[in-house]
């Protein structure tokens, strides 16, 4: 249920699993097979390392430090760095088209993403939609992670908007709940079709794009 009949003044998108696929498992299965990947993930906290990078830790140094702690898995750990682009492709083209449709209507579209500083720089070079954001709030640069309230407060302060003036979509229930707690209008992303319908519902689009 909407809190106001006025459309939000800005849309904010998460990136991973909203605008691009984020799938380390698939990359590892391709390179070392599912069985060895499962053993690697059991033995080595790669996702913990990635969270630290998202929080501002240096990417390459973090990979090498983890490889040094797990020499038996060093080659596999380095695949995270050497094949990083494989983990963030393909793009979710339907969502990217929705982003473009919003901007074509004059709606500012911003990113709010848990993403490393160095890896986001790679994404900016390799993914044409990234530079099209009106602005990007990147956890690794801000050294603040979703769903901590501080990063949402930073967005509000920077944009000069708050509550129902902001629309936010993310695939993480915790991240969406944190935005809802601040009065933002939200959508838990489970696919582009649902996002399109929600954008119409809140008044950011007139109709679901064909």
N, C-alpha and C. Protein backbone atom coordinates (compact mmCIF):
# COMPACT_ATOMS: atom_id res chain seq x y z
N UNK A 1 0.84 -1.19 0.00
CA UNK A 1 0.00 0.00 0.00
C UNK A 1 0.88 1.24 0.00
N UNK A 2 0.54 2.22 -0.83
CA UNK A 2 1.35 3.42 -0.95
C UNK A 2 1.02 4.42 0.15
N UNK A 3 2.05 5.14 0.59
CA UNK A 3 1.87 6.13 1.64
C UNK A 3 1.47 7.49 1.07
N UNK A 4 1.62 7.67 -0.24
CA UNK A 4 1.28 8.94 -0.87
C UNK A 4 0.95 8.69 -2.32
N UNK A 5 0.12 9.58 -2.90
CA UNK A 5 -0.21 9.45 -4.30
C UNK A 5 0.84 10.04 -5.22
N UNK A 6 1.84 10.70 -4.67
CA UNK A 6 2.89 11.32 -5.47
C UNK A 6 3.98 10.31 -5.80
N UNK A 7 4.41 10.31 -7.04
CA UNK A 7 5.47 9.38 -7.44
C UNK A 7 6.78 9.74 -6.75
N UNK A 8 7.63 8.76 -6.49
CA UNK A 8 8.96 9.07 -5.95
C UNK A 8 9.73 10.01 -6.87
N UNK A 9 10.69 10.71 -6.31
CA UNK A 9 11.48 11.66 -7.08
C UNK A 9 12.77 11.05 -7.61
N UNK A 10 13.12 9.87 -7.15
CA UNK A 10 14.33 9.19 -7.62
C UNK A 10 14.17 7.70 -7.42
N UNK A 11 14.80 6.94 -8.30
CA UNK A 11 14.84 5.48 -8.19
C UNK A 11 16.26 5.06 -7.84
N UNK A 12 16.36 4.08 -6.97
CA UNK A 12 17.66 3.58 -6.52
C UNK A 12 17.68 2.07 -6.74
N UNK A 13 18.70 1.62 -7.46
CA UNK A 13 18.83 0.21 -7.81
C UNK A 13 20.04 -0.40 -7.12
N UNK A 14 19.85 -1.57 -6.53
CA UNK A 14 20.98 -2.46 -6.27
C UNK A 14 21.51 -2.92 -7.63
N UNK A 15 22.71 -3.49 -7.65
CA UNK A 15 23.28 -3.94 -8.93
C UNK A 15 23.30 -5.46 -9.03
N UNK A 16 23.99 -6.13 -8.10
CA UNK A 16 24.13 -7.58 -8.18
C UNK A 16 22.81 -8.30 -8.02
N UNK A 17 22.48 -9.15 -8.98
CA UNK A 17 21.23 -9.91 -9.04
C UNK A 17 20.00 -9.04 -9.22
N UNK A 18 20.23 -7.79 -9.65
CA UNK A 18 19.15 -6.91 -10.09
C UNK A 18 19.43 -6.44 -11.52
N UNK A 19 20.63 -5.94 -11.75
CA UNK A 19 21.02 -5.46 -13.08
C UNK A 19 22.05 -6.37 -13.75
N UNK A 20 22.77 -7.12 -12.95
CA UNK A 20 23.70 -8.13 -13.46
C UNK A 20 23.55 -9.38 -12.60
N UNK A 21 23.89 -10.52 -13.15
CA UNK A 21 23.92 -11.73 -12.36
C UNK A 21 25.19 -11.76 -11.51
N UNK A 22 25.06 -12.27 -10.29
CA UNK A 22 26.20 -12.45 -9.39
C UNK A 22 26.21 -13.91 -9.00
N UNK A 23 27.17 -14.68 -9.57
CA UNK A 23 27.11 -16.12 -9.40
C UNK A 23 28.51 -16.73 -9.34
N UNK A 24 29.20 -16.59 -8.20
CA UNK A 24 30.52 -17.23 -8.07
C UNK A 24 30.47 -18.74 -8.25
N UNK A 25 29.41 -19.36 -7.79
CA UNK A 25 29.31 -20.82 -7.89
C UNK A 25 29.42 -21.26 -9.35
N UNK A 26 28.74 -20.58 -10.24
CA UNK A 26 28.76 -20.96 -11.65
C UNK A 26 30.16 -20.84 -12.23
N UNK A 27 30.87 -19.76 -11.88
CA UNK A 27 32.23 -19.59 -12.38
C UNK A 27 33.11 -20.73 -11.91
N UNK A 28 33.05 -21.05 -10.62
CA UNK A 28 33.90 -22.11 -10.10
C UNK A 28 33.53 -23.47 -10.68
N UNK A 29 32.24 -23.73 -10.82
CA UNK A 29 31.84 -25.01 -11.41
C UNK A 29 32.41 -25.16 -12.81
N UNK A 30 32.47 -24.06 -13.54
CA UNK A 30 32.99 -24.09 -14.91
C UNK A 30 34.49 -24.41 -14.91
N UNK A 31 35.21 -23.90 -13.93
CA UNK A 31 36.67 -24.03 -13.94
C UNK A 31 37.19 -25.24 -13.19
N UNK A 32 36.53 -25.61 -12.09
CA UNK A 32 37.08 -26.71 -11.27
C UNK A 32 36.07 -27.82 -11.01
N UNK A 33 34.85 -27.67 -11.47
CA UNK A 33 33.83 -28.69 -11.26
C UNK A 33 33.07 -28.48 -9.96
N UNK A 34 31.85 -28.97 -9.94
CA UNK A 34 30.95 -28.72 -8.80
C UNK A 34 31.46 -29.36 -7.51
N UNK A 35 32.03 -30.55 -7.61
CA UNK A 35 32.47 -31.25 -6.39
C UNK A 35 33.62 -30.50 -5.72
N UNK A 36 34.61 -30.12 -6.51
CA UNK A 36 35.75 -29.40 -5.92
C UNK A 36 35.33 -28.01 -5.46
N UNK A 37 34.43 -27.38 -6.19
CA UNK A 37 33.93 -26.07 -5.76
C UNK A 37 33.23 -26.18 -4.41
N UNK A 38 32.43 -27.21 -4.22
CA UNK A 38 31.74 -27.38 -2.94
C UNK A 38 32.75 -27.56 -1.81
N UNK A 39 33.81 -28.32 -2.07
CA UNK A 39 34.85 -28.51 -1.06
C UNK A 39 35.57 -27.20 -0.76
N UNK A 40 35.85 -26.42 -1.80
CA UNK A 40 36.49 -25.12 -1.63
C UNK A 40 35.63 -24.20 -0.77
N UNK A 41 34.36 -24.11 -1.08
CA UNK A 41 33.47 -23.21 -0.34
C UNK A 41 33.32 -23.66 1.11
N UNK A 42 33.45 -24.96 1.35
CA UNK A 42 33.38 -25.47 2.72
C UNK A 42 34.65 -25.13 3.50
N UNK A 43 35.79 -25.16 2.81
CA UNK A 43 37.08 -24.98 3.49
C UNK A 43 37.50 -23.52 3.62
N UNK A 44 37.06 -22.68 2.70
CA UNK A 44 37.58 -21.31 2.60
C UNK A 44 36.42 -20.33 2.58
N UNK A 45 36.51 -19.31 3.40
CA UNK A 45 35.43 -18.32 3.49
C UNK A 45 35.62 -17.24 2.42
N UNK A 46 35.38 -17.62 1.19
CA UNK A 46 35.49 -16.67 0.08
C UNK A 46 34.44 -15.57 0.19
N UNK A 47 33.26 -15.91 0.64
CA UNK A 47 32.21 -14.90 0.73
C UNK A 47 32.52 -13.90 1.85
N UNK A 48 33.16 -14.37 2.91
CA UNK A 48 33.59 -13.44 3.94
C UNK A 48 34.64 -12.48 3.43
N UNK A 49 35.57 -13.00 2.61
CA UNK A 49 36.56 -12.12 1.99
C UNK A 49 35.88 -11.09 1.10
N UNK A 50 34.89 -11.54 0.33
CA UNK A 50 34.20 -10.62 -0.57
C UNK A 50 33.46 -9.54 0.21
N UNK A 51 32.88 -9.91 1.34
CA UNK A 51 32.18 -8.91 2.15
C UNK A 51 33.17 -7.87 2.67
N UNK A 52 34.36 -8.32 3.05
CA UNK A 52 35.38 -7.37 3.50
C UNK A 52 35.78 -6.42 2.38
N UNK A 53 35.90 -6.94 1.16
CA UNK A 53 36.20 -6.10 0.00
C UNK A 53 35.07 -5.10 -0.23
N UNK A 54 33.84 -5.57 -0.12
CA UNK A 54 32.69 -4.67 -0.25
C UNK A 54 32.73 -3.57 0.80
N UNK A 55 33.33 -3.87 1.95
CA UNK A 55 33.42 -2.88 3.01
C UNK A 55 34.61 -1.96 2.91
N UNK A 56 35.45 -2.17 1.88
CA UNK A 56 36.57 -1.26 1.66
C UNK A 56 37.94 -1.88 1.66
N UNK A 57 38.05 -3.18 1.95
CA UNK A 57 39.36 -3.84 1.92
C UNK A 57 39.87 -3.91 0.48
N UNK A 58 41.19 -3.83 0.27
CA UNK A 58 41.73 -3.89 -1.10
C UNK A 58 41.52 -5.27 -1.71
N UNK A 59 41.11 -5.28 -2.96
CA UNK A 59 40.70 -6.51 -3.62
C UNK A 59 41.86 -7.49 -3.79
N UNK A 60 42.89 -7.08 -4.52
CA UNK A 60 43.99 -7.99 -4.79
C UNK A 60 44.69 -8.46 -3.53
N UNK A 61 44.93 -7.54 -2.61
CA UNK A 61 45.60 -7.91 -1.36
C UNK A 61 44.75 -8.88 -0.54
N UNK A 62 43.45 -8.70 -0.57
CA UNK A 62 42.57 -9.60 0.18
C UNK A 62 42.62 -11.01 -0.39
N UNK A 63 42.63 -11.11 -1.71
CA UNK A 63 42.73 -12.43 -2.35
C UNK A 63 44.05 -13.09 -1.98
N UNK A 64 45.14 -12.35 -2.08
CA UNK A 64 46.45 -12.93 -1.78
C UNK A 64 46.58 -13.31 -0.31
N UNK A 65 46.02 -12.52 0.57
CA UNK A 65 46.08 -12.85 2.00
C UNK A 65 45.32 -14.14 2.28
N UNK A 66 44.18 -14.30 1.65
CA UNK A 66 43.40 -15.53 1.84
C UNK A 66 44.13 -16.73 1.24
N UNK A 67 44.74 -16.54 0.08
CA UNK A 67 45.52 -17.62 -0.54
C UNK A 67 46.68 -18.04 0.35
N UNK A 68 47.31 -17.07 1.00
CA UNK A 68 48.44 -17.39 1.89
C UNK A 68 47.97 -18.18 3.11
N UNK A 69 46.75 -17.93 3.57
CA UNK A 69 46.23 -18.66 4.73
C UNK A 69 45.77 -20.07 4.35
N UNK A 70 45.52 -20.29 3.07
CA UNK A 70 45.03 -21.60 2.60
C UNK A 70 45.87 -22.03 1.40
N UNK A 71 47.14 -22.37 1.61
CA UNK A 71 48.01 -22.68 0.47
C UNK A 71 47.53 -23.85 -0.38
N UNK A 72 46.82 -24.79 0.22
CA UNK A 72 46.32 -25.93 -0.56
C UNK A 72 45.24 -25.51 -1.55
N UNK A 73 44.65 -24.35 -1.32
CA UNK A 73 43.59 -23.86 -2.19
C UNK A 73 43.99 -22.56 -2.90
N UNK A 74 45.26 -22.23 -2.88
CA UNK A 74 45.69 -20.92 -3.37
C UNK A 74 45.29 -20.68 -4.82
N UNK A 75 45.50 -21.66 -5.68
CA UNK A 75 45.17 -21.47 -7.10
C UNK A 75 43.68 -21.23 -7.29
N UNK A 76 42.88 -21.98 -6.54
CA UNK A 76 41.42 -21.81 -6.66
C UNK A 76 40.97 -20.46 -6.11
N UNK A 77 41.57 -20.03 -5.02
CA UNK A 77 41.22 -18.72 -4.45
C UNK A 77 41.52 -17.61 -5.45
N UNK A 78 42.64 -17.72 -6.14
CA UNK A 78 43.02 -16.66 -7.09
C UNK A 78 42.09 -16.60 -8.29
N UNK A 79 41.34 -17.67 -8.54
CA UNK A 79 40.34 -17.61 -9.61
C UNK A 79 39.32 -16.52 -9.34
N UNK A 80 39.06 -16.24 -8.06
CA UNK A 80 38.10 -15.18 -7.70
C UNK A 80 38.53 -13.84 -8.28
N UNK A 81 39.82 -13.59 -8.25
CA UNK A 81 40.36 -12.35 -8.82
C UNK A 81 40.50 -12.45 -10.33
N UNK A 82 41.08 -13.55 -10.79
CA UNK A 82 41.45 -13.65 -12.20
C UNK A 82 40.24 -13.82 -13.12
N UNK A 83 39.15 -14.33 -12.59
CA UNK A 83 37.94 -14.56 -13.39
C UNK A 83 36.75 -13.79 -12.83
N UNK A 84 37.03 -12.67 -12.20
CA UNK A 84 35.97 -11.93 -11.53
C UNK A 84 34.83 -11.56 -12.47
N UNK A 85 35.15 -11.15 -13.68
CA UNK A 85 34.09 -10.74 -14.61
C UNK A 85 33.13 -11.88 -14.93
N UNK A 86 33.62 -13.11 -14.88
CA UNK A 86 32.72 -14.25 -15.13
C UNK A 86 31.65 -14.36 -14.06
N UNK A 87 31.95 -13.88 -12.85
CA UNK A 87 30.99 -14.01 -11.75
C UNK A 87 29.89 -12.96 -11.83
N UNK A 88 30.10 -11.92 -12.63
CA UNK A 88 29.13 -10.82 -12.67
C UNK A 88 28.51 -10.66 -14.06
N UNK A 89 28.53 -11.73 -14.81
CA UNK A 89 27.89 -11.74 -16.12
C UNK A 89 27.06 -13.01 -16.25
N UNK A 90 26.02 -12.97 -17.08
CA UNK A 90 25.63 -11.88 -17.97
C UNK A 90 24.85 -10.80 -17.23
N UNK A 91 24.60 -9.71 -17.94
CA UNK A 91 23.71 -8.69 -17.42
C UNK A 91 22.26 -9.15 -17.47
N UNK A 92 21.43 -8.52 -16.65
CA UNK A 92 19.99 -8.78 -16.68
C UNK A 92 19.39 -7.68 -17.56
N UNK A 93 19.28 -7.98 -18.83
CA UNK A 93 18.97 -6.95 -19.82
C UNK A 93 17.60 -6.31 -19.60
N UNK A 94 16.63 -7.10 -19.15
CA UNK A 94 15.29 -6.54 -18.92
C UNK A 94 15.33 -5.46 -17.84
N UNK A 95 16.12 -5.68 -16.80
CA UNK A 95 16.24 -4.67 -15.75
C UNK A 95 16.98 -3.44 -16.25
N UNK A 96 18.00 -3.67 -17.06
CA UNK A 96 18.73 -2.53 -17.61
C UNK A 96 17.83 -1.70 -18.52
N UNK A 97 16.90 -2.35 -19.22
CA UNK A 97 15.95 -1.59 -20.04
C UNK A 97 15.00 -0.77 -19.18
N UNK A 98 14.63 -1.30 -18.02
CA UNK A 98 13.78 -0.52 -17.11
C UNK A 98 14.52 0.70 -16.59
N UNK A 99 15.78 0.54 -16.27
CA UNK A 99 16.60 1.68 -15.86
C UNK A 99 16.62 2.74 -16.95
N UNK A 100 16.82 2.32 -18.19
CA UNK A 100 16.86 3.26 -19.31
C UNK A 100 15.50 3.93 -19.51
N UNK A 101 14.42 3.16 -19.32
CA UNK A 101 13.08 3.73 -19.49
C UNK A 101 12.81 4.81 -18.45
N UNK A 102 13.25 4.58 -17.23
CA UNK A 102 13.09 5.60 -16.18
C UNK A 102 13.85 6.87 -16.54
N UNK A 103 15.08 6.71 -16.96
CA UNK A 103 15.88 7.89 -17.29
C UNK A 103 15.33 8.61 -18.51
N UNK A 104 14.75 7.87 -19.44
CA UNK A 104 14.13 8.52 -20.61
C UNK A 104 12.95 9.39 -20.19
N UNK A 105 12.33 9.06 -19.06
CA UNK A 105 11.22 9.86 -18.52
C UNK A 105 11.71 10.98 -17.61
N UNK A 106 13.02 11.10 -17.46
CA UNK A 106 13.57 12.14 -16.61
C UNK A 106 13.68 11.78 -15.15
N UNK A 107 13.53 10.49 -14.83
CA UNK A 107 13.65 10.04 -13.44
C UNK A 107 15.13 9.79 -13.14
N UNK A 108 15.70 10.45 -12.14
CA UNK A 108 17.08 10.13 -11.77
C UNK A 108 17.17 8.70 -11.24
N UNK A 109 18.19 7.99 -11.68
CA UNK A 109 18.40 6.61 -11.24
C UNK A 109 19.80 6.51 -10.63
N UNK A 110 19.85 6.08 -9.39
CA UNK A 110 21.10 5.97 -8.64
C UNK A 110 21.35 4.50 -8.28
N UNK A 111 22.59 4.17 -8.04
CA UNK A 111 22.95 2.84 -7.56
C UNK A 111 23.25 2.91 -6.07
N UNK A 112 22.80 1.90 -5.34
CA UNK A 112 23.17 1.70 -3.94
C UNK A 112 23.58 0.24 -3.83
N UNK A 113 24.88 0.01 -3.72
CA UNK A 113 25.38 -1.34 -3.93
C UNK A 113 26.50 -1.70 -2.98
N UNK A 114 26.46 -2.92 -2.48
CA UNK A 114 27.61 -3.49 -1.77
C UNK A 114 28.57 -4.01 -2.83
N UNK A 115 29.66 -3.27 -3.03
CA UNK A 115 30.56 -3.52 -4.15
C UNK A 115 31.92 -2.97 -3.74
N UNK A 116 32.98 -3.69 -4.06
CA UNK A 116 34.32 -3.21 -3.76
C UNK A 116 34.71 -2.01 -4.61
N UNK A 117 35.61 -1.21 -4.09
CA UNK A 117 36.09 -0.03 -4.81
C UNK A 117 36.75 -0.44 -6.13
N UNK A 118 37.72 -1.34 -6.06
CA UNK A 118 38.45 -1.73 -7.27
C UNK A 118 37.57 -2.52 -8.23
N UNK A 119 36.73 -3.38 -7.70
CA UNK A 119 35.87 -4.16 -8.60
C UNK A 119 34.81 -3.27 -9.25
N UNK A 120 34.35 -2.25 -8.54
CA UNK A 120 33.40 -1.33 -9.17
C UNK A 120 34.08 -0.57 -10.31
N UNK A 121 35.34 -0.24 -10.15
CA UNK A 121 36.07 0.43 -11.23
C UNK A 121 36.14 -0.47 -12.47
N UNK A 122 36.32 -1.78 -12.25
CA UNK A 122 36.29 -2.72 -13.38
C UNK A 122 34.92 -2.71 -14.03
N UNK A 123 33.88 -2.75 -13.21
CA UNK A 123 32.52 -2.73 -13.74
C UNK A 123 32.25 -1.47 -14.54
N UNK A 124 32.74 -0.34 -14.06
CA UNK A 124 32.55 0.92 -14.79
C UNK A 124 33.16 0.86 -16.18
N UNK A 125 34.30 0.18 -16.30
CA UNK A 125 34.97 0.07 -17.60
C UNK A 125 34.28 -0.94 -18.51
N UNK A 126 33.78 -2.02 -17.93
CA UNK A 126 33.33 -3.16 -18.73
C UNK A 126 31.82 -3.21 -18.97
N UNK A 127 31.04 -2.49 -18.18
CA UNK A 127 29.58 -2.60 -18.26
C UNK A 127 29.01 -1.24 -18.65
N UNK A 128 28.52 -1.11 -19.86
CA UNK A 128 28.10 0.21 -20.35
C UNK A 128 27.02 0.89 -19.52
N UNK A 129 26.17 0.13 -18.83
CA UNK A 129 25.09 0.78 -18.08
C UNK A 129 25.59 1.46 -16.81
N UNK A 130 26.73 1.04 -16.27
CA UNK A 130 27.19 1.58 -14.99
C UNK A 130 27.43 3.09 -15.05
N UNK A 131 28.15 3.61 -16.05
CA UNK A 131 28.37 5.06 -16.08
C UNK A 131 27.10 5.88 -16.31
N UNK A 132 26.01 5.21 -16.67
CA UNK A 132 24.76 5.93 -16.93
C UNK A 132 23.99 6.27 -15.65
N UNK A 133 24.38 5.69 -14.52
CA UNK A 133 23.73 6.08 -13.27
C UNK A 133 23.93 7.58 -13.03
N UNK A 134 22.92 8.21 -12.47
CA UNK A 134 23.07 9.62 -12.10
C UNK A 134 24.08 9.77 -10.98
N UNK A 135 24.15 8.80 -10.09
CA UNK A 135 25.22 8.72 -9.10
C UNK A 135 25.24 7.30 -8.58
N UNK A 136 26.34 6.93 -7.94
CA UNK A 136 26.48 5.57 -7.41
C UNK A 136 27.01 5.64 -5.98
N UNK A 137 26.28 5.00 -5.08
CA UNK A 137 26.68 4.89 -3.68
C UNK A 137 27.27 3.49 -3.51
N UNK A 138 28.58 3.43 -3.45
CA UNK A 138 29.32 2.17 -3.51
C UNK A 138 29.92 1.90 -2.13
N UNK A 139 29.55 0.77 -1.54
CA UNK A 139 29.95 0.49 -0.16
C UNK A 139 31.46 0.54 0.04
N UNK A 140 32.21 -0.02 -0.92
CA UNK A 140 33.65 -0.07 -0.77
C UNK A 140 34.31 1.30 -0.78
N UNK A 141 33.66 2.27 -1.40
CA UNK A 141 34.18 3.64 -1.41
C UNK A 141 33.71 4.41 -0.18
N UNK A 142 32.51 4.12 0.25
CA UNK A 142 31.96 4.80 1.42
C UNK A 142 32.38 4.14 2.73
N UNK A 143 32.83 2.88 2.64
CA UNK A 143 33.17 2.08 3.82
C UNK A 143 31.96 1.94 4.76
N UNK A 144 30.83 1.75 4.12
CA UNK A 144 29.57 1.47 4.80
C UNK A 144 28.85 0.41 3.98
N UNK A 145 28.25 -0.55 4.66
CA UNK A 145 27.58 -1.66 3.98
C UNK A 145 26.08 -1.63 4.24
N UNK A 146 25.30 -1.99 3.22
CA UNK A 146 23.90 -2.34 3.47
C UNK A 146 23.89 -3.63 4.30
N UNK A 147 22.97 -3.81 5.21
CA UNK A 147 21.81 -2.95 5.51
C UNK A 147 22.01 -2.00 6.68
N UNK A 148 23.24 -1.60 6.99
CA UNK A 148 23.45 -0.66 8.10
C UNK A 148 22.74 0.66 7.81
N UNK A 149 22.07 1.24 8.80
CA UNK A 149 21.32 2.48 8.56
C UNK A 149 22.18 3.62 8.02
N UNK A 150 23.47 3.63 8.34
CA UNK A 150 24.32 4.77 7.98
C UNK A 150 24.38 4.99 6.47
N UNK A 151 24.39 3.92 5.69
CA UNK A 151 24.53 4.10 4.25
C UNK A 151 23.24 4.66 3.64
N UNK A 152 22.10 4.28 4.20
CA UNK A 152 20.83 4.83 3.74
C UNK A 152 20.72 6.31 4.12
N UNK A 153 21.18 6.64 5.32
CA UNK A 153 21.17 8.03 5.75
C UNK A 153 22.08 8.87 4.86
N UNK A 154 23.20 8.30 4.45
CA UNK A 154 24.12 9.01 3.56
C UNK A 154 23.45 9.30 2.21
N UNK A 155 22.72 8.33 1.70
CA UNK A 155 21.99 8.54 0.44
C UNK A 155 21.00 9.70 0.60
N UNK A 156 20.23 9.68 1.66
CA UNK A 156 19.25 10.74 1.89
C UNK A 156 19.90 12.11 1.98
N UNK A 157 20.99 12.19 2.73
CA UNK A 157 21.67 13.47 2.91
C UNK A 157 22.24 13.97 1.58
N UNK A 158 22.83 13.06 0.81
CA UNK A 158 23.45 13.46 -0.46
C UNK A 158 22.41 13.91 -1.48
N UNK A 159 21.31 13.17 -1.57
CA UNK A 159 20.29 13.48 -2.57
C UNK A 159 19.32 14.57 -2.11
N UNK A 160 19.28 14.82 -0.81
CA UNK A 160 18.30 15.77 -0.30
C UNK A 160 16.88 15.25 -0.39
N UNK A 161 16.74 13.93 -0.35
CA UNK A 161 15.43 13.27 -0.44
C UNK A 161 15.32 12.26 0.69
N UNK A 162 14.09 11.91 1.03
CA UNK A 162 13.90 10.93 2.10
C UNK A 162 12.53 10.29 1.97
N UNK A 163 12.31 9.26 2.77
CA UNK A 163 11.01 8.61 2.86
C UNK A 163 10.46 8.23 1.50
N UNK A 164 9.17 8.51 1.26
CA UNK A 164 8.53 8.06 0.01
C UNK A 164 9.00 8.81 -1.23
N UNK A 165 9.88 9.79 -1.06
CA UNK A 165 10.48 10.43 -2.24
C UNK A 165 11.45 9.49 -2.95
N UNK A 166 11.84 8.41 -2.27
CA UNK A 166 12.82 7.47 -2.80
C UNK A 166 12.19 6.11 -3.06
N UNK A 167 12.53 5.53 -4.20
CA UNK A 167 12.13 4.16 -4.53
C UNK A 167 13.40 3.32 -4.61
N UNK A 168 13.36 2.13 -4.00
CA UNK A 168 14.56 1.29 -3.91
C UNK A 168 14.19 -0.15 -4.24
N UNK A 169 15.01 -0.79 -5.07
CA UNK A 169 14.86 -2.21 -5.34
C UNK A 169 16.17 -2.93 -5.08
N UNK A 170 16.06 -4.11 -4.48
CA UNK A 170 17.22 -4.92 -4.08
C UNK A 170 16.74 -6.35 -3.99
N UNK A 171 17.65 -7.30 -4.18
CA UNK A 171 17.26 -8.71 -4.08
C UNK A 171 17.39 -9.26 -2.67
N UNK A 172 17.91 -8.45 -1.73
CA UNK A 172 18.10 -8.90 -0.35
C UNK A 172 16.95 -8.43 0.53
N UNK A 173 16.22 -9.34 1.17
CA UNK A 173 15.15 -8.90 2.07
C UNK A 173 15.64 -7.97 3.18
N UNK A 174 16.83 -8.22 3.71
CA UNK A 174 17.35 -7.37 4.78
C UNK A 174 17.61 -5.96 4.29
N UNK A 175 18.14 -5.83 3.09
CA UNK A 175 18.41 -4.50 2.54
C UNK A 175 17.12 -3.75 2.24
N UNK A 176 16.13 -4.46 1.75
CA UNK A 176 14.83 -3.84 1.48
C UNK A 176 14.17 -3.42 2.80
N UNK A 177 14.24 -4.27 3.80
CA UNK A 177 13.62 -3.95 5.09
C UNK A 177 14.26 -2.70 5.71
N UNK A 178 15.57 -2.54 5.54
CA UNK A 178 16.24 -1.36 6.08
C UNK A 178 15.75 -0.09 5.41
N UNK A 179 15.49 -0.17 4.11
CA UNK A 179 14.95 0.99 3.39
C UNK A 179 13.50 1.26 3.80
N UNK A 180 12.72 0.20 3.94
CA UNK A 180 11.33 0.35 4.37
C UNK A 180 11.25 1.02 5.74
N UNK A 181 12.19 0.69 6.61
CA UNK A 181 12.19 1.26 7.96
C UNK A 181 12.39 2.77 7.93
N UNK A 182 12.95 3.28 6.84
CA UNK A 182 13.16 4.72 6.69
C UNK A 182 12.03 5.37 5.88
N UNK A 183 11.04 4.59 5.52
CA UNK A 183 9.90 5.13 4.79
C UNK A 183 10.06 5.15 3.28
N UNK A 184 11.17 4.58 2.77
CA UNK A 184 11.34 4.51 1.32
C UNK A 184 10.29 3.56 0.74
N UNK A 185 9.90 3.82 -0.49
CA UNK A 185 9.09 2.84 -1.21
C UNK A 185 10.03 1.81 -1.84
N UNK A 186 9.64 0.56 -1.77
CA UNK A 186 10.60 -0.50 -2.05
C UNK A 186 9.98 -1.60 -2.91
N UNK A 187 10.90 -2.42 -3.42
CA UNK A 187 10.50 -3.63 -4.14
C UNK A 187 11.58 -4.68 -3.94
N UNK A 188 11.20 -5.85 -3.44
CA UNK A 188 12.12 -6.97 -3.35
C UNK A 188 12.24 -7.60 -4.73
N UNK A 189 13.42 -7.48 -5.32
CA UNK A 189 13.59 -7.92 -6.70
C UNK A 189 13.63 -9.44 -6.79
N UNK A 190 12.74 -9.97 -7.61
CA UNK A 190 12.72 -11.41 -7.91
C UNK A 190 12.65 -11.65 -9.41
N UNK A 191 12.71 -10.58 -10.17
CA UNK A 191 12.64 -10.66 -11.62
C UNK A 191 12.20 -9.33 -12.19
N UNK A 192 12.57 -9.09 -13.45
CA UNK A 192 12.29 -7.80 -14.06
C UNK A 192 10.79 -7.55 -14.24
N UNK A 193 10.03 -8.61 -14.46
CA UNK A 193 8.59 -8.43 -14.67
C UNK A 193 7.93 -7.84 -13.43
N UNK A 194 8.28 -8.36 -12.27
CA UNK A 194 7.72 -7.82 -11.03
C UNK A 194 8.18 -6.41 -10.76
N UNK A 195 9.44 -6.11 -11.08
CA UNK A 195 9.94 -4.75 -10.90
C UNK A 195 9.19 -3.78 -11.80
N UNK A 196 8.96 -4.17 -13.04
CA UNK A 196 8.24 -3.29 -13.96
C UNK A 196 6.85 -2.97 -13.43
N UNK A 197 6.16 -3.99 -12.94
CA UNK A 197 4.82 -3.77 -12.41
C UNK A 197 4.85 -2.83 -11.20
N UNK A 198 5.85 -2.98 -10.36
CA UNK A 198 5.96 -2.12 -9.18
C UNK A 198 6.28 -0.68 -9.57
N UNK A 199 7.09 -0.49 -10.60
CA UNK A 199 7.40 0.87 -11.06
C UNK A 199 6.14 1.56 -11.58
N UNK A 200 5.27 0.81 -12.22
CA UNK A 200 3.99 1.37 -12.65
C UNK A 200 3.14 1.70 -11.43
N UNK A 201 3.11 0.79 -10.47
CA UNK A 201 2.28 0.98 -9.27
C UNK A 201 2.64 2.25 -8.52
N UNK A 202 3.93 2.56 -8.42
CA UNK A 202 4.34 3.75 -7.65
C UNK A 202 4.35 5.01 -8.51
N UNK A 203 4.03 4.88 -9.79
CA UNK A 203 3.90 6.06 -10.64
C UNK A 203 5.16 6.49 -11.36
N UNK A 204 6.19 5.64 -11.35
CA UNK A 204 7.43 6.00 -12.04
C UNK A 204 7.37 5.66 -13.53
N UNK A 205 6.55 4.69 -13.90
CA UNK A 205 6.30 4.38 -15.30
C UNK A 205 4.79 4.38 -15.53
N UNK A 206 4.38 4.73 -16.74
CA UNK A 206 2.95 4.73 -17.07
C UNK A 206 2.44 3.33 -17.37
N UNK A 207 3.30 2.51 -17.94
CA UNK A 207 2.91 1.15 -18.30
C UNK A 207 4.13 0.26 -18.32
N UNK A 208 3.89 -1.03 -18.23
CA UNK A 208 4.99 -1.98 -18.31
C UNK A 208 5.54 -1.95 -19.73
N UNK A 209 6.84 -1.71 -19.90
CA UNK A 209 7.40 -1.66 -21.25
C UNK A 209 7.22 -2.99 -21.97
N UNK A 210 7.00 -2.92 -23.26
CA UNK A 210 6.83 -4.13 -24.06
C UNK A 210 8.14 -4.89 -24.17
